[in-house]
N, C-alpha and C. Protein backbone atom coordinates (compact mmCIF):
# COMPACT_ATOMS: atom_id res chain seq x y z
N MET A 1 323.05 -98.43 -59.20
CA MET A 1 322.14 -99.53 -59.00
C MET A 1 321.97 -100.25 -60.34
N PRO A 2 322.09 -101.58 -60.37
CA PRO A 2 321.94 -102.30 -61.64
C PRO A 2 320.49 -102.28 -62.12
N LYS A 3 320.35 -102.29 -63.44
CA LYS A 3 319.00 -102.31 -64.02
C LYS A 3 318.39 -103.69 -63.83
N ARG A 4 317.09 -103.70 -63.70
CA ARG A 4 316.38 -104.96 -63.56
C ARG A 4 316.26 -105.63 -64.92
N ALA A 5 316.32 -106.94 -64.91
CA ALA A 5 316.13 -107.69 -66.15
C ALA A 5 314.64 -107.68 -66.48
N ARG A 6 314.32 -107.36 -67.71
CA ARG A 6 312.92 -107.37 -68.13
C ARG A 6 312.50 -108.77 -68.50
N LYS A 7 311.28 -109.12 -68.12
CA LYS A 7 310.78 -110.45 -68.43
C LYS A 7 310.10 -110.48 -69.79
N GLU A 8 309.62 -109.33 -70.24
CA GLU A 8 308.94 -109.27 -71.53
C GLU A 8 309.93 -108.85 -72.62
N PRO A 9 309.81 -109.42 -73.80
CA PRO A 9 310.67 -109.01 -74.91
C PRO A 9 310.36 -107.57 -75.32
N GLN A 10 311.39 -106.86 -75.76
CA GLN A 10 311.22 -105.47 -76.18
C GLN A 10 310.65 -105.37 -77.58
N ASP A 11 311.07 -106.24 -78.48
CA ASP A 11 310.69 -106.17 -79.88
C ASP A 11 309.39 -106.95 -80.11
N VAL A 12 308.58 -106.49 -81.06
CA VAL A 12 307.31 -107.16 -81.38
C VAL A 12 307.57 -108.57 -81.90
N ASN A 13 308.61 -108.74 -82.68
CA ASN A 13 308.92 -110.06 -83.21
C ASN A 13 309.34 -111.02 -82.09
N GLN A 14 310.10 -110.52 -81.14
CA GLN A 14 310.50 -111.35 -80.02
C GLN A 14 309.27 -111.73 -79.19
N TRP A 15 308.38 -110.77 -79.04
CA TRP A 15 307.15 -111.01 -78.28
C TRP A 15 306.31 -112.09 -78.96
N ALA A 16 306.14 -112.00 -80.31
CA ALA A 16 305.38 -112.99 -81.06
C ALA A 16 306.04 -114.37 -80.95
N HIS A 17 307.36 -114.39 -81.05
CA HIS A 17 308.09 -115.65 -80.94
C HIS A 17 307.85 -116.27 -79.55
N ASP A 18 307.86 -115.44 -78.52
CA ASP A 18 307.65 -115.92 -77.17
C ASP A 18 306.24 -116.51 -77.01
N ILE A 19 305.24 -115.87 -77.61
CA ILE A 19 303.86 -116.37 -77.54
C ILE A 19 303.74 -117.73 -78.22
N VAL A 20 304.31 -117.84 -79.42
CA VAL A 20 304.26 -119.11 -80.16
C VAL A 20 304.99 -120.20 -79.38
N LYS A 21 306.13 -119.84 -78.81
CA LYS A 21 306.92 -120.79 -78.04
C LYS A 21 306.13 -121.31 -76.82
N ARG A 22 305.44 -120.40 -76.13
CA ARG A 22 304.65 -120.80 -74.97
C ARG A 22 303.46 -121.67 -75.37
N SER A 23 302.81 -121.31 -76.48
CA SER A 23 301.60 -122.04 -76.86
C SER A 23 301.90 -123.43 -77.41
N THR A 24 303.09 -123.64 -77.96
CA THR A 24 303.43 -124.94 -78.52
C THR A 24 304.30 -125.77 -77.59
N ALA A 25 304.64 -125.24 -76.43
CA ALA A 25 305.51 -125.96 -75.50
C ALA A 25 304.74 -127.10 -74.84
N GLU A 26 305.47 -128.08 -74.38
CA GLU A 26 304.88 -129.18 -73.66
C GLU A 26 304.36 -128.67 -72.31
N PRO A 27 303.23 -129.17 -71.87
CA PRO A 27 302.73 -128.71 -70.58
C PRO A 27 303.65 -129.15 -69.45
N THR A 28 303.77 -128.29 -68.47
CA THR A 28 304.62 -128.60 -67.31
C THR A 28 303.73 -128.72 -66.08
N ASP A 29 304.30 -129.23 -65.04
CA ASP A 29 303.56 -129.37 -63.79
C ASP A 29 303.72 -128.16 -62.88
N GLU A 30 304.22 -127.06 -63.43
CA GLU A 30 304.40 -125.86 -62.62
C GLU A 30 303.03 -125.26 -62.29
N PRO A 31 302.89 -124.76 -61.08
CA PRO A 31 301.61 -124.14 -60.72
C PRO A 31 301.39 -122.84 -61.50
N VAL A 32 300.15 -122.56 -61.77
CA VAL A 32 299.81 -121.33 -62.49
C VAL A 32 299.90 -120.18 -61.51
N LYS A 33 300.55 -119.09 -61.95
CA LYS A 33 300.66 -117.91 -61.10
C LYS A 33 299.37 -117.10 -61.23
N LEU A 34 298.68 -116.92 -60.11
CA LEU A 34 297.43 -116.18 -60.12
C LEU A 34 297.61 -114.84 -59.42
N ASN A 35 296.81 -113.90 -59.84
CA ASN A 35 296.84 -112.58 -59.25
C ASN A 35 296.14 -112.63 -57.89
N PRO A 36 296.84 -112.35 -56.79
CA PRO A 36 296.22 -112.45 -55.47
C PRO A 36 295.02 -111.54 -55.29
N SER A 37 295.05 -110.35 -55.87
CA SER A 37 293.92 -109.45 -55.69
C SER A 37 292.68 -109.98 -56.42
N LEU A 38 292.89 -110.62 -57.57
CA LEU A 38 291.77 -111.21 -58.30
C LEU A 38 291.17 -112.37 -57.52
N ILE A 39 292.02 -113.18 -56.94
CA ILE A 39 291.56 -114.31 -56.14
C ILE A 39 290.74 -113.78 -54.95
N SER A 40 291.25 -112.73 -54.34
CA SER A 40 290.56 -112.15 -53.19
C SER A 40 289.17 -111.64 -53.58
N GLN A 41 289.06 -111.00 -54.73
CA GLN A 41 287.77 -110.48 -55.18
C GLN A 41 286.79 -111.63 -55.44
N VAL A 42 287.27 -112.67 -56.11
CA VAL A 42 286.40 -113.81 -56.42
C VAL A 42 285.93 -114.49 -55.15
N MET A 43 286.85 -114.71 -54.21
CA MET A 43 286.48 -115.38 -52.97
C MET A 43 285.53 -114.52 -52.14
N THR A 44 285.70 -113.21 -52.20
CA THR A 44 284.79 -112.32 -51.48
C THR A 44 283.38 -112.44 -52.04
N GLU A 45 283.26 -112.45 -53.35
CA GLU A 45 281.95 -112.59 -53.97
C GLU A 45 281.30 -113.93 -53.61
N LEU A 46 282.09 -115.00 -53.64
CA LEU A 46 281.55 -116.31 -53.28
C LEU A 46 281.10 -116.33 -51.82
N GLY A 47 281.88 -115.72 -50.96
CA GLY A 47 281.52 -115.67 -49.55
C GLY A 47 280.25 -114.89 -49.32
N ARG A 48 280.08 -113.80 -50.04
CA ARG A 48 278.86 -113.01 -49.89
C ARG A 48 277.64 -113.80 -50.31
N LYS A 49 277.77 -114.54 -51.41
CA LYS A 49 276.63 -115.34 -51.89
C LYS A 49 276.22 -116.36 -50.83
N GLY A 50 277.19 -117.08 -50.32
CA GLY A 50 276.91 -118.10 -49.32
C GLY A 50 276.41 -117.49 -48.03
N GLY A 51 276.96 -116.36 -47.64
CA GLY A 51 276.57 -115.72 -46.41
C GLY A 51 275.14 -115.21 -46.45
N LYS A 52 274.71 -114.72 -47.59
CA LYS A 52 273.35 -114.21 -47.71
C LYS A 52 272.33 -115.34 -47.61
N LYS A 53 272.66 -116.49 -48.16
CA LYS A 53 271.75 -117.64 -48.13
C LYS A 53 271.84 -118.40 -46.82
N GLY A 54 273.06 -118.51 -46.30
CA GLY A 54 273.34 -119.41 -45.19
C GLY A 54 272.56 -119.14 -43.93
N GLY A 55 272.46 -117.89 -43.52
CA GLY A 55 271.78 -117.57 -42.28
C GLY A 55 270.31 -117.92 -42.32
N LYS A 56 269.64 -117.60 -43.40
CA LYS A 56 268.21 -117.90 -43.53
C LYS A 56 267.97 -119.40 -43.53
N ASN A 57 268.78 -120.12 -44.29
CA ASN A 57 268.62 -121.58 -44.34
C ASN A 57 268.90 -122.21 -42.98
N ARG A 58 269.92 -121.71 -42.29
CA ARG A 58 270.25 -122.27 -40.98
C ARG A 58 269.11 -122.03 -40.01
N MET A 59 268.58 -120.82 -40.00
CA MET A 59 267.49 -120.52 -39.08
C MET A 59 266.23 -121.34 -39.40
N ALA A 60 266.01 -121.64 -40.67
CA ALA A 60 264.84 -122.43 -41.05
C ALA A 60 264.95 -123.86 -40.53
N MET A 61 266.17 -124.36 -40.38
CA MET A 61 266.36 -125.74 -39.92
C MET A 61 266.34 -125.87 -38.40
N LEU A 62 266.50 -124.77 -37.67
CA LEU A 62 266.56 -124.83 -36.22
C LEU A 62 265.16 -124.86 -35.61
N THR A 63 265.08 -125.46 -34.44
CA THR A 63 263.81 -125.44 -33.70
C THR A 63 263.70 -124.09 -33.00
N PRO A 64 262.50 -123.69 -32.59
CA PRO A 64 262.35 -122.42 -31.88
C PRO A 64 263.22 -122.33 -30.62
N GLU A 65 263.40 -123.44 -29.91
CA GLU A 65 264.24 -123.42 -28.71
C GLU A 65 265.71 -123.15 -29.05
N GLU A 66 266.18 -123.79 -30.14
CA GLU A 66 267.58 -123.58 -30.55
C GLU A 66 267.78 -122.13 -31.00
N ARG A 67 266.81 -121.57 -31.71
CA ARG A 67 266.91 -120.17 -32.13
C ARG A 67 266.95 -119.24 -30.91
N SER A 68 266.16 -119.56 -29.93
CA SER A 68 266.13 -118.75 -28.71
C SER A 68 267.48 -118.81 -27.99
N GLN A 69 268.08 -120.00 -27.92
CA GLN A 69 269.38 -120.14 -27.27
C GLN A 69 270.45 -119.34 -28.02
N LEU A 70 270.42 -119.40 -29.36
CA LEU A 70 271.39 -118.64 -30.15
C LEU A 70 271.20 -117.14 -29.94
N GLY A 71 269.95 -116.71 -29.89
CA GLY A 71 269.67 -115.30 -29.68
C GLY A 71 270.15 -114.82 -28.32
N THR A 72 269.93 -115.63 -27.30
CA THR A 72 270.37 -115.28 -25.95
C THR A 72 271.89 -115.19 -25.90
N LYS A 73 272.55 -116.13 -26.53
CA LYS A 73 274.02 -116.13 -26.56
C LYS A 73 274.54 -114.87 -27.27
N ALA A 74 273.88 -114.49 -28.36
CA ALA A 74 274.30 -113.30 -29.11
C ALA A 74 274.11 -112.03 -28.29
N VAL A 75 272.99 -111.94 -27.59
CA VAL A 75 272.73 -110.75 -26.77
C VAL A 75 273.74 -110.65 -25.65
N ARG A 76 274.06 -111.76 -25.00
CA ARG A 76 275.05 -111.73 -23.92
C ARG A 76 276.42 -111.29 -24.43
N ALA A 77 276.79 -111.79 -25.59
CA ALA A 77 278.08 -111.41 -26.17
C ALA A 77 278.09 -109.92 -26.51
N ARG A 78 276.99 -109.42 -27.05
CA ARG A 78 276.89 -108.00 -27.40
C ARG A 78 277.00 -107.12 -26.16
N TRP A 79 276.29 -107.50 -25.09
CA TRP A 79 276.31 -106.69 -23.88
C TRP A 79 277.68 -106.78 -23.20
N ALA A 80 278.31 -107.92 -23.24
CA ALA A 80 279.64 -108.06 -22.65
C ALA A 80 280.64 -107.17 -23.38
N ARG A 81 280.52 -107.09 -24.67
CA ARG A 81 281.42 -106.25 -25.46
C ARG A 81 281.20 -104.78 -25.13
N GLN A 82 279.95 -104.37 -24.95
CA GLN A 82 279.64 -102.98 -24.62
C GLN A 82 280.16 -102.62 -23.22
N ARG A 83 280.08 -103.57 -22.30
CA ARG A 83 280.57 -103.30 -20.94
C ARG A 83 282.08 -103.12 -20.93
N ARG A 84 282.78 -103.93 -21.75
CA ARG A 84 284.24 -103.81 -21.81
C ARG A 84 284.66 -102.47 -22.42
N ALA A 85 283.89 -101.99 -23.40
CA ALA A 85 284.24 -100.74 -24.08
C ALA A 85 284.01 -99.53 -23.18
N SER A 86 283.11 -99.64 -22.21
CA SER A 86 282.78 -98.49 -21.34
C SER A 86 283.84 -98.21 -20.32
C-alpha cells in the first residue's frame, strides 16, 4: 500500500517557512475549512439559548384561547402516539 502524502512539513524550518508563506500570501476566495464537530457544538448551544427563551416568549404573546388550542393539539398528538405504541 502506498504511503499517504503528508500535508504538514516534517522539519521545523519547513514548518516556519510554511507559516510565513501563508501569512504573507494574497487572500484567496477559497472557503475556510471548518471543523464540522465544532460547528455542531456551536449551533447546538445557539439552539438551546433560543429554545429556552422562545417558548416562554411565544406563550406570552398568545391569547388564552390560542394557548388552549395548542394544548389540546399537543394532548391529542401525545395520546395518538401512545395508542400506536400499544
